[in-house]
C-alpha cells in the first residue's frame, strides 16, 4: 500500500512538472540580478563537503545509511556541474567550468553512484557450490590451510604438517577458485563468500550421488554443531544468542527476506576480516523451512 502511494506521488509529480517547466521556459528572464550570491554558493559547497565526509565515514564502515548519502552527494555534484557550466557559459571561465564538469564532477558522481549501488546490492556475487568446491572441501589439506589464514606461505607451513609445495598448490587452487587472495606483503587472506547450495537435480549419475552425499554430510554436521551449541550455551556468555519466529510469507516475500539477510551478513563480513583484539569469530546460521504440520503428507 505504501509503495503504491509512493509510486502514485512520483508519477503525479512528474506529470505536474511538465506544464510547470514549459511555463518557466516561457516566462523566466535570460538575466536576473540577485542577492546572497556568495552565501548560496558557499553554503552549497559546505553541504557538499559534509556529504563527502559523512559518506566516507559511513562507506568505510559499510553502513546501509551510506547508500542514500552517496546518492545525494552524486546528485549534488551533478547539480554543481550543471550550474557551473550554465551560469558561466558567457564568462571567460566557460571552458574551465566545462573541463571541471567533464573530468572531475561528473566522473566522481558516477563513482559515488556505483559505490552506492554496490553497497545496496551487496559486494559479493552469489555463486553455487560446484563439484570442484566439493573436492576441495573433502581434501583435509585445504581445511588445514584455511584454518591458518591470514598468514604467509612460510607461516602456514610452520603451523601444519604440509610441505611447502603442498601449501603453495593449495593456496593457488583456492585463489583460482576465488576463496583467498594474496596481499602486497605476501600474506594470504580469505575472501568472504556467498555460496548457494547445489541442486542434485542439476546433475546425473555419480555426480548427483556425490552432490547428495555432500549435502547430507553438510546438514549432519550442522545438526552436530547445533547440538553442541545447545549443550554449551551457558559457556558463551554474551557471545551467543538464538531466536525463533514463525511468519506467513509469499514465495516472493520469502526470497526478499533471504536476500536482505544475505546482504546484511555479507556487509558485516567485509567490515573486519582480520583477527584483532576484542573480536570473536562467530558461527551464524539462517534456516527457514515449513514446519512439519505445514508439509502435506504423501
C-alpha atoms as a PDB file:
ATOM      1  CA  UNK A   1       0.000   0.000   0.000  1.00  0.00           C
ATOM      2  CA  UNK A   2       2.777   2.439   0.946  1.00  0.00           C
ATOM      3  CA  UNK A   3       4.717   1.538  -2.190  1.00  0.00           C
ATOM      4  CA  UNK A   4       1.646   2.183  -4.337  1.00  0.00           C
ATOM      5  CA  UNK A   5       1.096   5.585  -2.722  1.00  0.00           C
ATOM      6  CA  UNK A   6       4.765   6.492  -3.240  1.00  0.00           C
ATOM      7  CA  UNK A   7       4.655   5.475  -6.900  1.00  0.00           C
ATOM      8  CA  UNK A   8       1.471   7.489  -7.369  1.00  0.00           C
ATOM      9  CA  UNK A   9       3.082  10.579  -5.827  1.00  0.00           C
ATOM     10  CA  UNK A  10       6.176  10.214  -8.011  1.00  0.00           C
ATOM     11  CA  UNK A  11       4.120   9.777 -11.167  1.00  0.00           C
ATOM     12  CA  UNK A  12       1.910  12.731 -10.209  1.00  0.00           C
ATOM     13  CA  UNK A  13       4.943  14.938  -9.560  1.00  0.00           C
ATOM     14  CA  UNK A  14       6.411  14.009 -12.954  1.00  0.00           C
ATOM     15  CA  UNK A  15       3.150  14.922 -14.701  1.00  0.00           C
ATOM     16  CA  UNK A  16       2.806  18.220 -12.854  1.00  0.00           C
ATOM     17  CA  UNK A  17       6.367  19.231 -13.673  1.00  0.00           C
ATOM     18  CA  UNK A  18       5.704  19.134 -17.404  1.00  0.00           C
ATOM     19  CA  UNK A  19       3.441  22.230 -17.601  1.00  0.00           C
ATOM     20  CA  UNK A  20       5.455  23.956 -14.860  1.00  0.00           C
ATOM     21  CA  UNK A  21       8.687  23.508 -16.830  1.00  0.00           C
ATOM     22  CA  UNK A  22       7.026  24.797 -20.002  1.00  0.00           C
ATOM     23  CA  UNK A  23       5.718  27.812 -18.074  1.00  0.00           C
ATOM     24  CA  UNK A  24       9.172  28.641 -16.694  1.00  0.00           C
ATOM     25  CA  UNK A  25      10.763  28.254 -20.107  1.00  0.00           C
ATOM     26  CA  UNK A  26       8.451  30.970 -21.468  1.00  0.00           C
ATOM     27  CA  UNK A  27       8.397  33.356 -18.501  1.00  0.00           C
ATOM     28  CA  UNK A  28      11.833  33.370 -16.865  1.00  0.00           C
ATOM     29  CA  UNK A  29      14.178  36.161 -17.998  1.00  0.00           C
ATOM     30  CA  UNK A  30      17.569  35.414 -19.556  1.00  0.00           C
ATOM     31  CA  UNK A  31      19.259  37.557 -16.892  1.00  0.00           C
ATOM     32  CA  UNK A  32      18.402  38.109 -13.252  1.00  0.00           C
ATOM     33  CA  UNK A  33      20.246  40.032 -10.533  1.00  0.00           C
ATOM     34  CA  UNK A  34      20.010  38.524  -7.072  1.00  0.00           C
ATOM     35  CA  UNK A  35      21.423  38.987  -3.603  1.00  0.00           C
ATOM     36  CA  UNK A  36      23.177  36.469  -1.351  1.00  0.00           C
ATOM     37  CA  UNK A  37      25.002  35.015  -4.349  1.00  0.00           C
ATOM     38  CA  UNK A  38      28.142  34.270  -2.322  1.00  0.00           C
ATOM     39  CA  UNK A  39      26.169  32.797   0.578  1.00  0.00           C
ATOM     40  CA  UNK A  40      24.248  30.484  -1.764  1.00  0.00           C
ATOM     41  CA  UNK A  41      27.368  29.003  -3.373  1.00  0.00           C
ATOM     42  CA  UNK A  42      29.438  28.810  -0.179  1.00  0.00           C
ATOM     43  CA  UNK A  43      26.523  27.120   1.601  1.00  0.00           C
ATOM     44  CA  UNK A  44      26.180  24.672  -1.276  1.00  0.00           C
ATOM     45  CA  UNK A  45      29.882  23.783  -1.112  1.00  0.00           C
ATOM     46  CA  UNK A  46      29.705  23.342   2.678  1.00  0.00           C
ATOM     47  CA  UNK A  47      26.791  20.944   2.225  1.00  0.00           C
ATOM     48  CA  UNK A  48      28.805  19.069  -0.415  1.00  0.00           C
ATOM     49  CA  UNK A  49      31.808  18.894   1.909  1.00  0.00           C
ATOM     50  CA  UNK A  50      29.696  17.474   4.747  1.00  0.00           C
ATOM     51  CA  UNK A  51      28.182  14.887   2.400  1.00  0.00           C
ATOM     52  CA  UNK A  52      31.650  13.789   1.295  1.00  0.00           C
ATOM     53  CA  UNK A  53      32.884  13.473   4.895  1.00  0.00           C
ATOM     54  CA  UNK A  54      29.800  11.623   6.162  1.00  0.00           C
ATOM     55  CA  UNK A  55      29.688   9.392   3.078  1.00  0.00           C
ATOM     56  CA  UNK A  56      33.358   8.422   3.526  1.00  0.00           C
ATOM     57  CA  UNK A  57      32.824   7.623   7.216  1.00  0.00           C
ATOM     58  CA  UNK A  58      29.720   5.509   6.595  1.00  0.00           C
ATOM     59  CA  UNK A  59      31.143   3.882   3.478  1.00  0.00           C
ATOM     60  CA  UNK A  60      34.301   2.701   5.235  1.00  0.00           C
ATOM     61  CA  UNK A  61      32.093   1.032   7.835  1.00  0.00           C
ATOM     62  CA  UNK A  62      29.809  -0.346   5.133  1.00  0.00           C
ATOM     63  CA  UNK A  63      26.768   1.139   6.835  1.00  0.00           C
ATOM     64  CA  UNK A  64      23.494   0.957   4.940  1.00  0.00           C
ATOM     65  CA  UNK A  65      22.941   4.670   5.620  1.00  0.00           C
ATOM     66  CA  UNK A  66      25.807   5.363   3.198  1.00  0.00           C
ATOM     67  CA  UNK A  67      23.588   4.413   0.230  1.00  0.00           C
ATOM     68  CA  UNK A  68      21.236   7.437   0.274  1.00  0.00           C
ATOM     69  CA  UNK A  69      24.081   9.746   1.324  1.00  0.00           C
ATOM     70  CA  UNK A  70      26.343   8.665  -1.541  1.00  0.00           C
ATOM     71  CA  UNK A  71      23.415   9.022  -3.933  1.00  0.00           C
ATOM     72  CA  UNK A  72      22.660  12.511  -2.629  1.00  0.00           C
ATOM     73  CA  UNK A  73      26.326  13.506  -2.959  1.00  0.00           C
ATOM     74  CA  UNK A  74      26.352  12.281  -6.564  1.00  0.00           C
ATOM     75  CA  UNK A  75      23.212  14.323  -7.283  1.00  0.00           C
ATOM     76  CA  UNK A  76      24.741  17.437  -5.694  1.00  0.00           C
ATOM     77  CA  UNK A  77      27.859  17.040  -7.840  1.00  0.00           C
ATOM     78  CA  UNK A  78      25.742  16.819 -10.994  1.00  0.00           C
ATOM     79  CA  UNK A  79      23.856  19.955  -9.909  1.00  0.00           C
ATOM     80  CA  UNK A  80      27.159  21.690  -9.216  1.00  0.00           C
ATOM     81  CA  UNK A  81      28.438  20.779 -12.671  1.00  0.00           C
ATOM     82  CA  UNK A  82      25.215  21.928 -14.371  1.00  0.00           C
ATOM     83  CA  UNK A  83      25.050  25.327 -12.715  1.00  0.00           C
ATOM     84  CA  UNK A  84      28.796  25.950 -13.042  1.00  0.00           C
ATOM     85  CA  UNK A  85      28.597  25.395 -16.787  1.00  0.00           C
ATOM     86  CA  UNK A  86      25.284  27.147 -17.420  1.00  0.00           C
ATOM     87  CA  UNK A  87      25.867  30.202 -15.234  1.00  0.00           C
ATOM     88  CA  UNK A  88      29.392  30.647 -16.534  1.00  0.00           C
ATOM     89  CA  UNK A  89      28.610  29.990 -20.195  1.00  0.00           C
ATOM     90  CA  UNK A  90      29.122  33.587 -21.303  1.00  0.00           C
ATOM     91  CA  UNK A  91      32.064  34.277 -18.980  1.00  0.00           C
ATOM     92  CA  UNK A  92      35.791  33.910 -19.611  1.00  0.00           C
ATOM     93  CA  UNK A  93      35.851  30.844 -17.349  1.00  0.00           C
ATOM     94  CA  UNK A  94      33.452  28.846 -19.508  1.00  0.00           C
ATOM     95  CA  UNK A  95      35.988  26.235 -20.643  1.00  0.00           C
ATOM     96  CA  UNK A  96      37.319  25.823 -17.113  1.00  0.00           C
ATOM     97  CA  UNK A  97      33.791  25.062 -15.910  1.00  0.00           C
ATOM     98  CA  UNK A  98      33.248  22.588 -18.744  1.00  0.00           C
ATOM     99  CA  UNK A  99      36.566  20.836 -18.038  1.00  0.00           C
ATOM    100  CA  UNK A 100      35.823  20.564 -14.314  1.00  0.00           C
ATOM    101  CA  UNK A 101      32.370  19.191 -15.026  1.00  0.00           C
ATOM    102  CA  UNK A 102      33.555  16.657 -17.625  1.00  0.00           C
ATOM    103  CA  UNK A 103      36.704  15.423 -15.903  1.00  0.00           C
ATOM    104  CA  UNK A 104      36.067  15.931 -12.181  1.00  0.00           C
ATOM    105  CA  UNK A 105      32.492  16.471 -11.009  1.00  0.00           C
ATOM    106  CA  UNK A 106      30.573  14.097 -13.285  1.00  0.00           C
ATOM    107  CA  UNK A 107      33.129  11.223 -13.062  1.00  0.00           C
ATOM    108  CA  UNK A 108      33.163  11.474  -9.251  1.00  0.00           C
ATOM    109  CA  UNK A 109      29.353  11.472  -9.264  1.00  0.00           C
ATOM    110  CA  UNK A 110      29.362   8.284 -11.357  1.00  0.00           C
ATOM    111  CA  UNK A 111      31.850   6.618  -8.970  1.00  0.00           C
ATOM    112  CA  UNK A 112      29.708   7.544  -5.962  1.00  0.00           C
ATOM    113  CA  UNK A 113      26.551   6.262  -7.650  1.00  0.00           C
ATOM    114  CA  UNK A 114      28.265   2.953  -8.453  1.00  0.00           C
ATOM    115  CA  UNK A 115      29.533   2.713  -4.872  1.00  0.00           C
ATOM    116  CA  UNK A 116      26.002   3.256  -3.581  1.00  0.00           C
ATOM    117  CA  UNK A 117      24.710   0.564  -5.943  1.00  0.00           C
ATOM    118  CA  UNK A 118      27.425  -1.814  -4.774  1.00  0.00           C
ATOM    119  CA  UNK A 119      26.549  -1.246  -1.122  1.00  0.00           C
ATOM    120  CA  UNK A 120      22.853  -1.689  -1.873  1.00  0.00           C
ATOM    121  CA  UNK A 121      23.224  -4.824  -3.964  1.00  0.00           C
ATOM    122  CA  UNK A 122      25.916  -6.425  -1.828  1.00  0.00           C
ATOM    123  CA  UNK A 123      29.618  -6.560  -2.526  1.00  0.00           C
ATOM    124  CA  UNK A 124      29.796 -10.291  -3.091  1.00  0.00           C
ATOM    125  CA  UNK A 125      28.454 -12.013  -6.152  1.00  0.00           C
ATOM    126  CA  UNK A 126      26.495 -15.125  -5.159  1.00  0.00           C
ATOM    127  CA  UNK A 127      27.593 -18.396  -6.707  1.00  0.00           C
ATOM    128  CA  UNK A 128      26.655 -22.047  -6.415  1.00  0.00           C
ATOM    129  CA  UNK A 129      28.893 -24.723  -4.953  1.00  0.00           C
ATOM    130  CA  UNK A 130      30.459 -26.826  -7.722  1.00  0.00           C
ATOM    131  CA  UNK A 131      31.930 -30.318  -7.846  1.00  0.00           C
ATOM    132  CA  UNK A 132      35.388 -28.745  -7.683  1.00  0.00           C
ATOM    133  CA  UNK A 133      34.434 -26.960  -4.483  1.00  0.00           C
ATOM    134  CA  UNK A 134      33.213 -30.271  -3.041  1.00  0.00           C
ATOM    135  CA  UNK A 135      36.527 -31.933  -3.948  1.00  0.00           C
ATOM    136  CA  UNK A 136      38.412 -29.186  -2.136  1.00  0.00           C
ATOM    137  CA  UNK A 137      36.137 -29.447   0.881  1.00  0.00           C
ATOM    138  CA  UNK A 138      36.740 -33.193   1.105  1.00  0.00           C
ATOM    139  CA  UNK A 139      40.525 -32.730   0.963  1.00  0.00           C
ATOM    140  CA  UNK A 140      41.848 -32.202   4.542  1.00  0.00           C
ATOM    141  CA  UNK A 141      44.822 -30.237   3.253  1.00  0.00           C
ATOM    142  CA  UNK A 142      42.615 -27.328   2.233  1.00  0.00           C
ATOM    143  CA  UNK A 143      41.000 -27.322   5.666  1.00  0.00           C
ATOM    144  CA  UNK A 144      44.419 -27.117   7.318  1.00  0.00           C
ATOM    145  CA  UNK A 145      45.491 -24.230   5.112  1.00  0.00           C
ATOM    146  CA  UNK A 146      42.340 -22.142   5.528  1.00  0.00           C
ATOM    147  CA  UNK A 147      42.370 -22.579   9.319  1.00  0.00           C
ATOM    148  CA  UNK A 148      45.732 -20.779   9.475  1.00  0.00           C
ATOM    149  CA  UNK A 149      44.670 -17.747   7.452  1.00  0.00           C
ATOM    150  CA  UNK A 150      45.541 -14.918   7.375  1.00  0.00           C
ATOM    151  CA  UNK A 151      49.201 -15.820   7.026  1.00  0.00           C
ATOM    152  CA  UNK A 152      52.139 -16.163   4.686  1.00  0.00           C
ATOM    153  CA  UNK A 153      53.241 -19.363   2.972  1.00  0.00           C
ATOM    154  CA  UNK A 154      56.022 -19.865   5.498  1.00  0.00           C
ATOM    155  CA  UNK A 155      53.721 -19.236   8.479  1.00  0.00           C
ATOM    156  CA  UNK A 156      51.189 -21.789   7.202  1.00  0.00           C
ATOM    157  CA  UNK A 157      53.919 -24.382   6.621  1.00  0.00           C
ATOM    158  CA  UNK A 158      55.221 -23.895  10.171  1.00  0.00           C
ATOM    159  CA  UNK A 159      51.747 -24.438  11.678  1.00  0.00           C
ATOM    160  CA  UNK A 160      50.746 -27.506   9.649  1.00  0.00           C
ATOM    161  CA  UNK A 161      52.273 -30.839   8.674  1.00  0.00           C
ATOM    162  CA  UNK A 162      52.136 -29.909   4.993  1.00  0.00           C
ATOM    163  CA  UNK A 163      55.145 -29.357   2.756  1.00  0.00           C
ATOM    164  CA  UNK A 164      55.933 -26.041   1.116  1.00  0.00           C
ATOM    165  CA  UNK A 165      54.833 -27.448  -2.247  1.00  0.00           C
ATOM    166  CA  UNK A 166      51.506 -28.662  -0.858  1.00  0.00           C
ATOM    167  CA  UNK A 167      50.781 -25.316   0.783  1.00  0.00           C
ATOM    168  CA  UNK A 168      51.584 -23.411  -2.406  1.00  0.00           C
ATOM    169  CA  UNK A 169      49.415 -25.746  -4.503  1.00  0.00           C
ATOM    170  CA  UNK A 170      46.504 -25.445  -2.084  1.00  0.00           C
ATOM    171  CA  UNK A 171      46.750 -21.668  -1.969  1.00  0.00           C
ATOM    172  CA  UNK A 172      46.934 -21.426  -5.758  1.00  0.00           C
ATOM    173  CA  UNK A 173      43.853 -23.627  -6.147  1.00  0.00           C
ATOM    174  CA  UNK A 174      41.963 -21.648  -3.501  1.00  0.00           C
ATOM    175  CA  UNK A 175      42.941 -18.387  -5.209  1.00  0.00           C
ATOM    176  CA  UNK A 176      41.937 -19.679  -8.669  1.00  0.00           C
ATOM    177  CA  UNK A 177      38.520 -20.570  -7.240  1.00  0.00           C
ATOM    178  CA  UNK A 178      38.062 -17.181  -5.539  1.00  0.00           C
ATOM    179  CA  UNK A 179      38.413 -18.266  -1.913  1.00  0.00           C
ATOM    180  CA  UNK A 180      41.647 -16.457  -0.973  1.00  0.00           C
ATOM    181  CA  UNK A 181      43.843 -13.661  -2.237  1.00  0.00           C
ATOM    182  CA  UNK A 182      47.408 -12.548  -1.546  1.00  0.00           C
ATOM    183  CA  UNK A 183      48.155  -9.054  -0.292  1.00  0.00           C
ATOM    184  CA  UNK A 184      51.071  -6.869  -1.294  1.00  0.00           C
ATOM    185  CA  UNK A 185      53.116  -8.062   1.695  1.00  0.00           C
ATOM    186  CA  UNK A 186      52.694 -11.718   0.743  1.00  0.00           C
ATOM    187  CA  UNK A 187      50.057 -12.514   3.346  1.00  0.00           C
ATOM    188  CA  UNK A 188      47.101 -14.634   2.260  1.00  0.00           C
ATOM    189  CA  UNK A 189      43.599 -13.748   3.457  1.00  0.00           C
ATOM    190  CA  UNK A 190      40.219 -15.360   2.959  1.00  0.00           C
ATOM    191  CA  UNK A 191      37.575 -13.727   0.774  1.00  0.00           C
ATOM    192  CA  UNK A 192      34.011 -13.579   2.175  1.00  0.00           C
ATOM    193  CA  UNK A 193      31.748 -15.901   0.219  1.00  0.00           C
ATOM    194  CA  UNK A 194      28.077 -16.048  -0.703  1.00  0.00           C
ATOM    195  CA  UNK A 195      27.803 -19.710  -1.658  1.00  0.00           C
ATOM    196  CA  UNK A 196      24.491 -21.305  -2.592  1.00  0.00           C
ATOM    197  CA  UNK A 197      23.712 -24.985  -2.170  1.00  0.00           C
ATOM    198  CA  UNK A 198      23.906 -27.092  -5.342  1.00  0.00           C
ATOM    199  CA  UNK A 199      20.781 -28.884  -6.538  1.00  0.00           C
ATOM    200  CA  UNK A 200      21.190 -32.637  -7.044  1.00  0.00           C
ATOM    201  CA  UNK A 201      18.606 -32.438  -9.829  1.00  0.00           C
ATOM    202  CA  UNK A 202      21.135 -30.427 -11.882  1.00  0.00           C
ATOM    203  CA  UNK A 203      23.460 -33.443 -12.021  1.00  0.00           C
ATOM    204  CA  UNK A 204      23.264 -37.002 -13.301  1.00  0.00           C
ATOM    205  CA  UNK A 205      24.685 -40.349 -12.277  1.00  0.00           C
ATOM    206  CA  UNK A 206      27.700 -40.374  -9.987  1.00  0.00           C
ATOM    207  CA  UNK A 207      27.824 -36.578  -9.843  1.00  0.00           C
ATOM    208  CA  UNK A 208      24.287 -36.455  -8.452  1.00  0.00           C
ATOM    209  CA  UNK A 209      25.185 -39.029  -5.822  1.00  0.00           C
ATOM    210  CA  UNK A 210      28.236 -37.014  -4.839  1.00  0.00           C
ATOM    211  CA  UNK A 211      26.268 -33.786  -4.529  1.00  0.00           C
ATOM    212  CA  UNK A 212      23.584 -35.567  -2.480  1.00  0.00           C
ATOM    213  CA  UNK A 213      26.231 -37.072  -0.196  1.00  0.00           C
ATOM    214  CA  UNK A 214      27.823 -33.645   0.226  1.00  0.00           C
ATOM    215  CA  UNK A 215      24.515 -32.073   1.259  1.00  0.00           C
ATOM    216  CA  UNK A 216      23.690 -34.949   3.623  1.00  0.00           C
ATOM    217  CA  UNK A 217      27.085 -34.620   5.312  1.00  0.00           C
ATOM    218  CA  UNK A 218      26.729 -30.853   5.471  1.00  0.00           C
ATOM    219  CA  UNK A 219      23.397 -30.965   7.279  1.00  0.00           C
ATOM    220  CA  UNK A 220      24.615 -33.740   9.563  1.00  0.00           C
ATOM    221  CA  UNK A 221      27.490 -31.505  10.634  1.00  0.00           C
ATOM    222  CA  UNK A 222      25.079 -28.606  11.079  1.00  0.00           C
ATOM    223  CA  UNK A 223      22.919 -30.704  13.410  1.00  0.00           C
ATOM    224  CA  UNK A 224      26.017 -31.744  15.368  1.00  0.00           C
ATOM    225  CA  UNK A 225      27.107 -28.120  15.646  1.00  0.00           C
ATOM    226  CA  UNK A 226      23.664 -27.015  16.814  1.00  0.00           C
ATOM    227  CA  UNK A 227      23.549 -29.833  19.398  1.00  0.00           C
ATOM    228  CA  UNK A 228      26.989 -28.840  20.677  1.00  0.00           C
ATOM    229  CA  UNK A 229      25.974 -25.178  20.894  1.00  0.00           C
ATOM    230  CA  UNK A 230      22.820 -26.104  22.804  1.00  0.00           C
ATOM    231  CA  UNK A 231      24.801 -28.248  25.249  1.00  0.00           C
ATOM    232  CA  UNK A 232      27.343 -25.465  25.858  1.00  0.00           C
ATOM    233  CA  UNK A 233      25.015 -22.449  25.669  1.00  0.00           C
ATOM    234  CA  UNK A 234      25.829 -21.366  29.240  1.00  0.00           C
ATOM    235  CA  UNK A 235      29.546 -21.110  28.484  1.00  0.00           C
ATOM    236  CA  UNK A 236      29.431 -18.494  25.733  1.00  0.00           C
ATOM    237  CA  UNK A 237      28.457 -15.504  27.854  1.00  0.00           C
ATOM    238  CA  UNK A 238      27.370 -12.504  25.731  1.00  0.00           C
ATOM    239  CA  UNK A 239      28.743 -14.136  22.574  1.00  0.00           C
ATOM    240  CA  UNK A 240      25.719 -16.302  21.982  1.00  0.00           C
ATOM    241  CA  UNK A 241      22.104 -15.654  21.070  1.00  0.00           C
ATOM    242  CA  UNK A 242      19.229 -17.523  19.497  1.00  0.00           C
ATOM    243  CA  UNK A 243      15.834 -16.521  18.179  1.00  0.00           C
ATOM    244  CA  UNK A 244      12.963 -18.351  16.588  1.00  0.00           C
ATOM    245  CA  UNK A 245       9.934 -16.990  14.857  1.00  0.00           C
ATOM    246  CA  UNK A 246       7.118 -18.067  12.579  1.00  0.00           C
ATOM    247  CA  UNK A 247       5.547 -15.940   9.883  1.00  0.00           C
ATOM    248  CA  UNK A 248       3.392 -16.172   6.771  1.00  0.00           C
ATOM    249  CA  UNK A 249       5.006 -15.047   3.543  1.00  0.00           C
ATOM    250  CA  UNK A 250       4.515 -15.417  -0.151  1.00  0.00           C
ATOM    251  CA  UNK A 251       7.377 -17.007  -2.044  1.00  0.00           C
ATOM    252  CA  UNK A 252       8.401 -13.600  -3.401  1.00  0.00           C
ATOM    253  CA  UNK A 253       8.431 -12.104   0.120  1.00  0.00           C
ATOM    254  CA  UNK A 254      10.436 -15.056   1.387  1.00  0.00           C
ATOM    255  CA  UNK A 255      13.053 -14.545  -1.325  1.00  0.00           C
ATOM    256  CA  UNK A 256      13.178 -10.854  -0.451  1.00  0.00           C
ATOM    257  CA  UNK A 257      13.768 -11.735   3.209  1.00  0.00           C
ATOM    258  CA  UNK A 258      16.523 -14.160   2.248  1.00  0.00           C
ATOM    259  CA  UNK A 259      18.229 -11.598   0.013  1.00  0.00           C
ATOM    260  CA  UNK A 260      18.178  -8.929   2.726  1.00  0.00           C
ATOM    261  CA  UNK A 261      19.595 -11.374   5.268  1.00  0.00           C
ATOM    262  CA  UNK A 262      22.439 -12.338   2.915  1.00  0.00           C
ATOM    263  CA  UNK A 263      23.175  -8.679   2.233  1.00  0.00           C
ATOM    264  CA  UNK A 264      23.340  -7.933   5.944  1.00  0.00           C
ATOM    265  CA  UNK A 265      25.686 -10.837   6.688  1.00  0.00           C
ATOM    266  CA  UNK A 266      27.951 -10.018   3.748  1.00  0.00           C
ATOM    267  CA  UNK A 267      28.149  -6.366   4.800  1.00  0.00           C
ATOM    268  CA  UNK A 268      29.305  -7.339   8.280  1.00  0.00           C
ATOM    269  CA  UNK A 269      31.691  -9.946   6.837  1.00  0.00           C
ATOM    270  CA  UNK A 270      33.524  -7.224   4.920  1.00  0.00           C
ATOM    271  CA  UNK A 271      33.764  -4.943   7.940  1.00  0.00           C
ATOM    272  CA  UNK A 272      36.619  -6.760   9.692  1.00  0.00           C
ATOM    273  CA  UNK A 273      38.432  -9.631   8.055  1.00  0.00           C
ATOM    274  CA  UNK A 274      41.475  -9.903  10.312  1.00  0.00           C
ATOM    275  CA  UNK A 275      41.638 -11.067  13.942  1.00  0.00           C
ATOM    276  CA  UNK A 276      42.189  -8.128  16.296  1.00  0.00           C
ATOM    277  CA  UNK A 277      41.746  -7.532  19.991  1.00  0.00           C
ATOM    278  CA  UNK A 278      38.135  -7.681  21.131  1.00  0.00           C
ATOM    279  CA  UNK A 279      36.965  -9.667  18.089  1.00  0.00           C
ATOM    280  CA  UNK A 280      35.459 -13.138  18.385  1.00  0.00           C
ATOM    281  CA  UNK A 281      34.809 -15.462  15.475  1.00  0.00           C
ATOM    282  CA  UNK A 282      31.118 -16.338  15.352  1.00  0.00           C
ATOM    283  CA  UNK A 283      29.166 -19.049  13.601  1.00  0.00           C
ATOM    284  CA  UNK A 284      25.980 -17.566  12.139  1.00  0.00           C
ATOM    285  CA  UNK A 285      23.261 -19.751  10.621  1.00  0.00           C
ATOM    286  CA  UNK A 286      19.983 -18.957   8.920  1.00  0.00           C
ATOM    287  CA  UNK A 287      17.364 -21.642   8.289  1.00  0.00           C
ATOM    288  CA  UNK A 288      13.840 -21.155   7.010  1.00  0.00           C
ATOM    289  CA  UNK A 289      11.529 -24.059   6.236  1.00  0.00           C
ATOM    290  CA  UNK A 290       7.872 -25.058   6.527  1.00  0.00           C
ATOM    291  CA  UNK A 291       7.098 -26.647   9.921  1.00  0.00           C
ATOM    292  CA  UNK A 292       6.181 -30.368   9.874  1.00  0.00           C
ATOM    293  CA  UNK A 293       2.456 -29.669  10.246  1.00  0.00           C
ATOM    294  CA  UNK A 294       2.556 -27.451   7.142  1.00  0.00           C
ATOM    295  CA  UNK A 295       4.069 -30.117   4.884  1.00  0.00           C
ATOM    296  CA  UNK A 296       1.382 -32.212   3.157  1.00  0.00           C
ATOM    297  CA  UNK A 297       1.727 -35.903   3.875  1.00  0.00           C
ATOM    298  CA  UNK A 298       2.443 -38.114   0.883  1.00  0.00           C
END
